[in-house]
């Protein structure tokens, strides 16, 4: 469990049935985090190292490294397993449903001030979408080496 999480957060994502349920938890966590808040963007299910497991390891290490530098980073990692579970249900519409229902409201909340893009982000459909949204919304973009 993340340091900025509580037991209620963990229970809520485990019982979530929709991306909106997960979003509600994410926004509560984000509200507790100090500003300026950043988020790491990069390949998870498409692109990158070619498999989700390896891509998630890179994402996790990048988040850890940025936090060690004293930066406040919101981690989407605890949401990955519940998202995967929800994607297997009839609720999931495919396409950009996850991106538009979970991530976009977070980005448009104005609470995430910086995106840190992992090298190779361009190979990911989701990270490419995040990059476009950052430019549209005005979120600062940092490309990591």
N, C-alpha and C. Protein backbone atom coordinates (compact mmCIF):
# COMPACT_ATOMS: atom_id res chain seq x y z
N UNK A 1 0.85 -1.18 0.00
CA UNK A 1 0.00 0.00 0.00
C UNK A 1 0.89 1.24 0.00
N UNK A 2 0.51 2.23 -0.78
CA UNK A 2 1.23 3.49 -0.86
C UNK A 2 1.18 4.21 0.48
N UNK A 3 2.21 5.00 0.78
CA UNK A 3 2.29 5.74 2.05
C UNK A 3 1.13 6.73 2.19
N UNK A 4 0.66 7.29 1.10
CA UNK A 4 -0.41 8.29 1.15
C UNK A 4 -1.80 7.66 1.10
N UNK A 5 -1.89 6.36 1.20
CA UNK A 5 -3.15 5.63 1.17
C UNK A 5 -3.57 5.25 2.58
N UNK A 6 -4.86 5.01 2.77
CA UNK A 6 -5.34 4.45 4.03
C UNK A 6 -6.13 3.18 3.72
N UNK A 7 -6.55 2.50 4.76
CA UNK A 7 -7.26 1.23 4.60
C UNK A 7 -8.56 1.41 3.81
N UNK A 8 -9.23 2.52 4.03
CA UNK A 8 -10.47 2.81 3.30
C UNK A 8 -10.21 2.90 1.79
N UNK A 9 -9.10 3.53 1.41
CA UNK A 9 -8.74 3.64 -0.01
C UNK A 9 -8.55 2.25 -0.62
N UNK A 10 -7.81 1.42 0.08
CA UNK A 10 -7.53 0.07 -0.42
C UNK A 10 -8.80 -0.75 -0.57
N UNK A 11 -9.65 -0.67 0.41
CA UNK A 11 -10.93 -1.40 0.34
C UNK A 11 -11.79 -0.89 -0.82
N UNK A 12 -11.79 0.42 -1.01
CA UNK A 12 -12.63 1.02 -2.05
C UNK A 12 -12.19 0.57 -3.45
N UNK A 13 -10.88 0.50 -3.70
CA UNK A 13 -10.48 0.08 -5.06
C UNK A 13 -10.70 -1.42 -5.25
N UNK A 14 -10.62 -2.19 -4.18
CA UNK A 14 -10.87 -3.63 -4.31
C UNK A 14 -12.33 -3.92 -4.61
N UNK A 15 -13.23 -3.06 -4.12
CA UNK A 15 -14.66 -3.29 -4.36
C UNK A 15 -15.20 -2.48 -5.54
N UNK A 16 -14.34 -1.73 -6.21
CA UNK A 16 -14.76 -0.88 -7.33
C UNK A 16 -15.29 -1.73 -8.49
N UNK A 17 -16.38 -1.24 -9.09
CA UNK A 17 -16.97 -1.92 -10.24
C UNK A 17 -16.82 -1.12 -11.53
N UNK A 18 -16.44 0.16 -11.39
CA UNK A 18 -16.34 1.03 -12.56
C UNK A 18 -15.09 1.89 -12.45
N UNK A 19 -14.72 2.50 -13.56
CA UNK A 19 -13.59 3.44 -13.54
C UNK A 19 -13.96 4.68 -12.75
N UNK A 20 -15.25 5.03 -12.72
CA UNK A 20 -15.70 6.16 -11.92
C UNK A 20 -15.49 5.89 -10.43
N UNK A 21 -15.70 4.64 -10.01
CA UNK A 21 -15.43 4.27 -8.61
C UNK A 21 -13.95 4.47 -8.29
N UNK A 22 -13.09 4.05 -9.21
CA UNK A 22 -11.65 4.21 -9.01
C UNK A 22 -11.26 5.69 -9.02
N UNK A 23 -11.87 6.45 -9.88
CA UNK A 23 -11.60 7.89 -9.96
C UNK A 23 -11.91 8.58 -8.64
N UNK A 24 -13.01 8.21 -8.02
CA UNK A 24 -13.38 8.81 -6.74
C UNK A 24 -12.28 8.61 -5.70
N UNK A 25 -11.73 7.42 -5.65
CA UNK A 25 -10.64 7.13 -4.71
C UNK A 25 -9.39 7.94 -5.09
N UNK A 26 -9.05 7.95 -6.37
CA UNK A 26 -7.87 8.66 -6.83
C UNK A 26 -7.94 10.14 -6.46
N UNK A 27 -9.08 10.76 -6.66
CA UNK A 27 -9.22 12.19 -6.37
C UNK A 27 -9.10 12.47 -4.87
N UNK A 28 -9.58 11.55 -4.03
CA UNK A 28 -9.42 11.71 -2.58
C UNK A 28 -7.94 11.67 -2.20
N UNK A 29 -7.22 10.75 -2.80
CA UNK A 29 -5.78 10.62 -2.52
C UNK A 29 -5.05 11.86 -3.02
N UNK A 30 -5.36 12.27 -4.23
CA UNK A 30 -4.72 13.45 -4.82
C UNK A 30 -4.94 14.68 -3.94
N UNK A 31 -6.13 14.81 -3.38
CA UNK A 31 -6.42 15.95 -2.50
C UNK A 31 -5.55 15.97 -1.25
N UNK A 32 -5.06 14.82 -0.83
CA UNK A 32 -4.22 14.74 0.38
C UNK A 32 -2.74 15.00 0.08
N UNK A 33 -2.37 14.97 -1.18
CA UNK A 33 -0.96 15.11 -1.54
C UNK A 33 -0.55 16.57 -1.64
N UNK A 34 0.69 16.88 -1.21
CA UNK A 34 1.16 18.26 -1.33
C UNK A 34 1.44 18.63 -2.78
N UNK A 35 1.30 19.90 -3.06
CA UNK A 35 1.58 20.44 -4.39
C UNK A 35 3.01 20.94 -4.45
N UNK A 36 3.62 21.05 -5.60
CA UNK A 36 3.06 20.67 -6.90
C UNK A 36 3.10 19.16 -7.09
N UNK A 37 2.09 18.66 -7.73
CA UNK A 37 1.91 17.23 -7.91
C UNK A 37 2.28 16.83 -9.32
N UNK A 38 3.04 15.74 -9.43
CA UNK A 38 3.42 15.20 -10.73
C UNK A 38 2.88 13.80 -10.92
N UNK A 39 2.97 13.34 -12.16
CA UNK A 39 2.55 11.99 -12.50
C UNK A 39 3.47 11.47 -13.60
N UNK A 40 3.82 10.20 -13.50
CA UNK A 40 4.70 9.59 -14.49
C UNK A 40 3.85 8.98 -15.60
N UNK A 41 4.25 9.23 -16.83
CA UNK A 41 3.53 8.72 -18.00
C UNK A 41 4.48 7.86 -18.83
N UNK A 42 3.97 6.74 -19.27
CA UNK A 42 4.77 5.86 -20.10
C UNK A 42 4.00 4.62 -20.47
N UNK A 43 4.61 3.76 -21.22
CA UNK A 43 3.95 2.54 -21.67
C UNK A 43 3.54 1.64 -20.50
N UNK A 44 2.35 1.08 -20.62
CA UNK A 44 1.91 0.06 -19.67
C UNK A 44 1.46 -1.16 -20.46
N UNK A 45 0.34 -1.03 -21.17
CA UNK A 45 -0.19 -2.20 -21.90
C UNK A 45 0.28 -2.27 -23.35
N UNK A 46 0.66 -1.13 -23.92
CA UNK A 46 1.17 -1.14 -25.30
C UNK A 46 2.52 -0.44 -25.34
N UNK A 47 3.38 -0.91 -26.22
CA UNK A 47 4.68 -0.26 -26.42
C UNK A 47 5.68 -0.57 -25.32
N UNK A 48 6.68 0.28 -25.25
CA UNK A 48 7.72 0.13 -24.22
C UNK A 48 8.54 -1.13 -24.42
N UNK A 49 8.62 -1.91 -23.35
CA UNK A 49 9.43 -3.12 -23.36
C UNK A 49 8.67 -4.35 -23.86
N UNK A 50 7.44 -4.12 -24.32
CA UNK A 50 6.69 -5.20 -24.96
C UNK A 50 5.80 -6.02 -24.07
N UNK A 51 5.85 -5.81 -22.75
CA UNK A 51 4.93 -6.53 -21.87
C UNK A 51 4.61 -5.65 -20.66
N UNK A 52 3.40 -5.79 -20.18
CA UNK A 52 2.92 -4.97 -19.07
C UNK A 52 3.80 -5.09 -17.84
N UNK A 53 4.21 -6.32 -17.53
CA UNK A 53 5.01 -6.55 -16.31
C UNK A 53 6.29 -5.71 -16.32
N UNK A 54 7.02 -5.76 -17.42
CA UNK A 54 8.28 -5.00 -17.52
C UNK A 54 8.01 -3.50 -17.55
N UNK A 55 6.96 -3.09 -18.27
CA UNK A 55 6.62 -1.67 -18.32
C UNK A 55 6.24 -1.13 -16.94
N UNK A 56 5.51 -1.93 -16.17
CA UNK A 56 5.12 -1.51 -14.82
C UNK A 56 6.34 -1.39 -13.90
N UNK A 57 7.32 -2.28 -14.10
CA UNK A 57 8.56 -2.20 -13.30
C UNK A 57 9.28 -0.89 -13.58
N UNK A 58 9.36 -0.49 -14.84
CA UNK A 58 10.01 0.76 -15.20
C UNK A 58 9.24 1.94 -14.60
N UNK A 59 7.94 1.90 -14.70
CA UNK A 59 7.10 2.96 -14.15
C UNK A 59 7.31 3.08 -12.64
N UNK A 60 7.32 1.94 -11.96
CA UNK A 60 7.51 1.93 -10.50
C UNK A 60 8.88 2.49 -10.12
N UNK A 61 9.92 2.07 -10.80
CA UNK A 61 11.28 2.57 -10.50
C UNK A 61 11.38 4.07 -10.76
N UNK A 62 10.74 4.52 -11.82
CA UNK A 62 10.76 5.95 -12.14
C UNK A 62 10.05 6.75 -11.06
N UNK A 63 8.91 6.28 -10.61
CA UNK A 63 8.18 6.95 -9.53
C UNK A 63 9.05 7.02 -8.28
N UNK A 64 9.67 5.89 -7.92
CA UNK A 64 10.54 5.84 -6.74
C UNK A 64 11.69 6.85 -6.87
N UNK A 65 12.32 6.89 -8.02
CA UNK A 65 13.46 7.80 -8.23
C UNK A 65 13.03 9.26 -8.12
N UNK A 66 11.91 9.61 -8.67
CA UNK A 66 11.43 11.00 -8.59
C UNK A 66 11.06 11.36 -7.15
N UNK A 67 10.46 10.42 -6.44
CA UNK A 67 10.13 10.67 -5.03
C UNK A 67 11.39 10.84 -4.19
N UNK A 68 12.43 10.08 -4.50
CA UNK A 68 13.70 10.22 -3.78
C UNK A 68 14.31 11.60 -3.99
N UNK A 69 13.96 12.25 -5.10
CA UNK A 69 14.43 13.60 -5.39
C UNK A 69 13.58 14.66 -4.67
N UNK A 70 12.59 14.20 -3.89
CA UNK A 70 11.75 15.10 -3.13
C UNK A 70 10.51 15.58 -3.86
N UNK A 71 10.21 14.97 -5.00
CA UNK A 71 9.03 15.38 -5.77
C UNK A 71 7.79 14.63 -5.29
N UNK A 72 6.65 15.28 -5.34
CA UNK A 72 5.39 14.63 -5.00
C UNK A 72 4.83 14.01 -6.28
N UNK A 73 4.69 12.70 -6.26
CA UNK A 73 4.24 11.97 -7.44
C UNK A 73 3.01 11.13 -7.08
N UNK A 74 1.94 11.32 -7.84
CA UNK A 74 0.76 10.46 -7.71
C UNK A 74 1.04 9.19 -8.50
N UNK A 75 0.90 8.04 -7.84
CA UNK A 75 1.13 6.76 -8.51
C UNK A 75 -0.19 6.12 -8.90
N UNK A 76 -0.31 5.80 -10.17
CA UNK A 76 -1.47 5.09 -10.65
C UNK A 76 -1.31 3.57 -10.51
N UNK A 77 -0.15 3.12 -10.05
CA UNK A 77 0.14 1.69 -10.00
C UNK A 77 -0.88 0.88 -9.17
N UNK A 78 -1.30 1.35 -8.00
CA UNK A 78 -2.28 0.55 -7.24
C UNK A 78 -3.62 0.38 -7.95
N UNK A 79 -3.88 1.19 -8.95
CA UNK A 79 -5.14 1.10 -9.69
C UNK A 79 -5.08 0.10 -10.84
N UNK A 80 -3.89 -0.35 -11.19
CA UNK A 80 -3.72 -1.20 -12.37
C UNK A 80 -4.47 -2.53 -12.27
N UNK A 81 -4.34 -3.23 -11.17
CA UNK A 81 -5.03 -4.52 -11.04
C UNK A 81 -6.55 -4.35 -11.03
N UNK A 82 -7.09 -3.39 -10.26
CA UNK A 82 -8.54 -3.18 -10.35
C UNK A 82 -8.99 -2.78 -11.76
N UNK A 83 -8.19 -1.98 -12.47
CA UNK A 83 -8.54 -1.61 -13.84
C UNK A 83 -8.59 -2.85 -14.73
N UNK A 84 -7.60 -3.71 -14.58
CA UNK A 84 -7.55 -4.94 -15.37
C UNK A 84 -8.79 -5.79 -15.09
N UNK A 85 -9.16 -5.88 -13.81
CA UNK A 85 -10.35 -6.64 -13.43
C UNK A 85 -11.61 -6.04 -14.04
N UNK A 86 -11.75 -4.72 -13.97
CA UNK A 86 -12.92 -4.04 -14.51
C UNK A 86 -12.99 -4.18 -16.03
N UNK A 87 -11.84 -4.19 -16.69
CA UNK A 87 -11.81 -4.33 -18.14
C UNK A 87 -12.40 -5.67 -18.60
N UNK A 88 -12.45 -6.65 -17.73
CA UNK A 88 -12.99 -7.97 -18.09
C UNK A 88 -14.52 -8.03 -17.96
N UNK A 89 -15.13 -6.94 -17.49
CA UNK A 89 -16.57 -6.95 -17.28
C UNK A 89 -17.31 -6.34 -18.47
N UNK A 90 -18.62 -6.48 -18.45
CA UNK A 90 -19.45 -5.90 -19.51
C UNK A 90 -19.51 -4.38 -19.41
N UNK A 91 -19.10 -3.81 -18.28
CA UNK A 91 -19.06 -2.35 -18.11
C UNK A 91 -18.07 -1.72 -19.10
N UNK A 92 -16.96 -2.39 -19.33
CA UNK A 92 -15.87 -1.84 -20.15
C UNK A 92 -16.30 -1.74 -21.62
N UNK A 93 -16.17 -0.53 -22.18
CA UNK A 93 -16.59 -0.26 -23.56
C UNK A 93 -15.45 -0.35 -24.56
N UNK A 94 -14.22 -0.55 -24.10
CA UNK A 94 -13.08 -0.64 -25.00
C UNK A 94 -12.63 0.74 -25.44
N UNK A 95 -11.70 0.77 -26.40
CA UNK A 95 -11.20 2.03 -26.93
C UNK A 95 -10.59 2.91 -25.84
N UNK A 96 -10.99 4.16 -25.82
CA UNK A 96 -10.43 5.12 -24.86
C UNK A 96 -11.29 5.26 -23.60
N UNK A 97 -12.15 4.31 -23.35
CA UNK A 97 -13.05 4.36 -22.19
C UNK A 97 -12.28 4.60 -20.89
N UNK A 98 -11.26 3.83 -20.63
CA UNK A 98 -10.47 3.99 -19.41
C UNK A 98 -9.82 5.37 -19.37
N UNK A 99 -9.19 5.77 -20.44
CA UNK A 99 -8.48 7.05 -20.49
C UNK A 99 -9.44 8.22 -20.23
N UNK A 100 -10.59 8.19 -20.86
CA UNK A 100 -11.52 9.31 -20.75
C UNK A 100 -12.31 9.31 -19.45
N UNK A 101 -12.51 8.13 -18.85
CA UNK A 101 -13.32 8.03 -17.65
C UNK A 101 -12.51 8.15 -16.37
N UNK A 102 -11.28 7.66 -16.37
CA UNK A 102 -10.44 7.71 -15.16
C UNK A 102 -9.39 8.82 -15.26
N UNK A 103 -8.56 8.77 -16.28
CA UNK A 103 -7.42 9.70 -16.35
C UNK A 103 -7.81 11.13 -16.69
N UNK A 104 -8.67 11.32 -17.68
CA UNK A 104 -8.99 12.68 -18.11
C UNK A 104 -9.55 13.55 -16.98
N UNK A 105 -10.50 13.06 -16.17
CA UNK A 105 -10.98 13.91 -15.07
C UNK A 105 -9.87 14.28 -14.07
N UNK A 106 -8.91 13.38 -13.88
CA UNK A 106 -7.77 13.71 -13.00
C UNK A 106 -6.97 14.85 -13.61
N UNK A 107 -6.67 14.72 -14.90
CA UNK A 107 -5.87 15.76 -15.57
C UNK A 107 -6.61 17.09 -15.59
N UNK A 108 -7.91 17.05 -15.86
CA UNK A 108 -8.69 18.28 -15.96
C UNK A 108 -9.01 18.89 -14.60
N UNK A 109 -8.73 18.16 -13.52
CA UNK A 109 -8.97 18.70 -12.17
C UNK A 109 -8.04 19.86 -11.85
N UNK A 110 -6.95 19.97 -12.58
CA UNK A 110 -5.97 21.03 -12.33
C UNK A 110 -5.02 20.72 -11.19
N UNK A 111 -5.12 19.54 -10.63
CA UNK A 111 -4.30 19.19 -9.47
C UNK A 111 -2.97 18.55 -9.85
N UNK A 112 -2.88 18.00 -11.05
CA UNK A 112 -1.61 17.45 -11.54
C UNK A 112 -0.95 18.55 -12.36
N UNK A 113 0.21 18.99 -11.89
CA UNK A 113 0.88 20.14 -12.50
C UNK A 113 1.96 19.75 -13.50
N UNK A 114 2.50 18.51 -13.36
CA UNK A 114 3.60 18.08 -14.22
C UNK A 114 3.44 16.62 -14.62
N UNK A 115 3.77 16.35 -15.86
CA UNK A 115 3.86 14.98 -16.35
C UNK A 115 5.33 14.68 -16.62
N UNK A 116 5.78 13.53 -16.13
CA UNK A 116 7.14 13.06 -16.39
C UNK A 116 7.04 11.89 -17.33
N UNK A 117 7.50 12.08 -18.57
CA UNK A 117 7.39 11.04 -19.58
C UNK A 117 8.65 10.18 -19.62
N UNK A 118 8.45 8.87 -19.47
CA UNK A 118 9.52 7.89 -19.53
C UNK A 118 10.02 7.78 -20.98
N UNK A 119 11.32 7.57 -21.13
CA UNK A 119 11.88 7.38 -22.47
C UNK A 119 11.13 6.24 -23.17
N UNK A 120 10.79 6.47 -24.42
CA UNK A 120 10.04 5.48 -25.19
C UNK A 120 8.53 5.63 -25.07
N UNK A 121 8.08 6.69 -24.44
CA UNK A 121 6.64 6.90 -24.26
C UNK A 121 5.89 6.93 -25.59
N UNK A 122 6.58 7.35 -26.65
CA UNK A 122 5.93 7.50 -27.96
C UNK A 122 5.41 6.17 -28.51
N UNK A 123 5.90 5.05 -28.01
CA UNK A 123 5.46 3.75 -28.49
C UNK A 123 4.13 3.31 -27.87
N UNK A 124 3.63 4.09 -26.94
CA UNK A 124 2.41 3.75 -26.21
C UNK A 124 1.24 4.60 -26.66
N UNK A 125 0.15 3.94 -27.00
CA UNK A 125 -1.06 4.68 -27.36
C UNK A 125 -1.57 5.54 -26.21
N UNK A 126 -1.56 4.98 -25.00
CA UNK A 126 -2.04 5.72 -23.84
C UNK A 126 -1.15 6.90 -23.50
N UNK A 127 0.15 6.72 -23.53
CA UNK A 127 1.07 7.81 -23.21
C UNK A 127 1.02 8.90 -24.28
N UNK A 128 0.83 8.52 -25.54
CA UNK A 128 0.68 9.50 -26.61
C UNK A 128 -0.58 10.33 -26.37
N UNK A 129 -1.64 9.68 -25.96
CA UNK A 129 -2.90 10.37 -25.63
C UNK A 129 -2.66 11.32 -24.44
N UNK A 130 -1.94 10.86 -23.42
CA UNK A 130 -1.63 11.71 -22.26
C UNK A 130 -0.83 12.94 -22.68
N UNK A 131 0.11 12.76 -23.58
CA UNK A 131 0.92 13.87 -24.06
C UNK A 131 0.04 14.92 -24.74
N UNK A 132 -0.89 14.47 -25.56
CA UNK A 132 -1.81 15.40 -26.24
C UNK A 132 -2.69 16.13 -25.23
N UNK A 133 -3.15 15.39 -24.21
CA UNK A 133 -4.00 16.01 -23.19
C UNK A 133 -3.21 17.04 -22.39
N UNK A 134 -1.98 16.73 -22.06
CA UNK A 134 -1.14 17.68 -21.31
C UNK A 134 -0.99 18.98 -22.08
N UNK A 135 -0.74 18.87 -23.37
CA UNK A 135 -0.59 20.07 -24.20
C UNK A 135 -1.89 20.84 -24.30
N UNK A 136 -3.00 20.14 -24.41
CA UNK A 136 -4.31 20.77 -24.51
C UNK A 136 -4.68 21.50 -23.22
N UNK A 137 -4.41 20.85 -22.08
CA UNK A 137 -4.81 21.38 -20.78
C UNK A 137 -3.80 22.41 -20.24
N UNK A 138 -2.54 22.24 -20.63
CA UNK A 138 -1.51 23.14 -20.14
C UNK A 138 -0.72 22.58 -18.97
N UNK A 139 -0.64 21.26 -18.89
CA UNK A 139 0.17 20.60 -17.86
C UNK A 139 1.62 20.58 -18.34
N UNK A 140 2.54 20.96 -17.45
CA UNK A 140 3.95 20.96 -17.80
C UNK A 140 4.43 19.56 -18.15
N UNK A 141 5.26 19.46 -19.17
CA UNK A 141 5.77 18.17 -19.63
C UNK A 141 7.29 18.14 -19.44
N UNK A 142 7.76 17.09 -18.75
CA UNK A 142 9.19 16.84 -18.59
C UNK A 142 9.50 15.49 -19.23
N UNK A 143 10.39 15.49 -20.20
CA UNK A 143 10.80 14.23 -20.85
C UNK A 143 12.03 13.71 -20.13
N UNK A 144 11.92 12.53 -19.55
CA UNK A 144 13.02 11.96 -18.78
C UNK A 144 14.04 11.29 -19.70
N UNK A 145 15.32 11.34 -19.32
CA UNK A 145 16.36 10.69 -20.13
C UNK A 145 16.29 9.17 -20.03
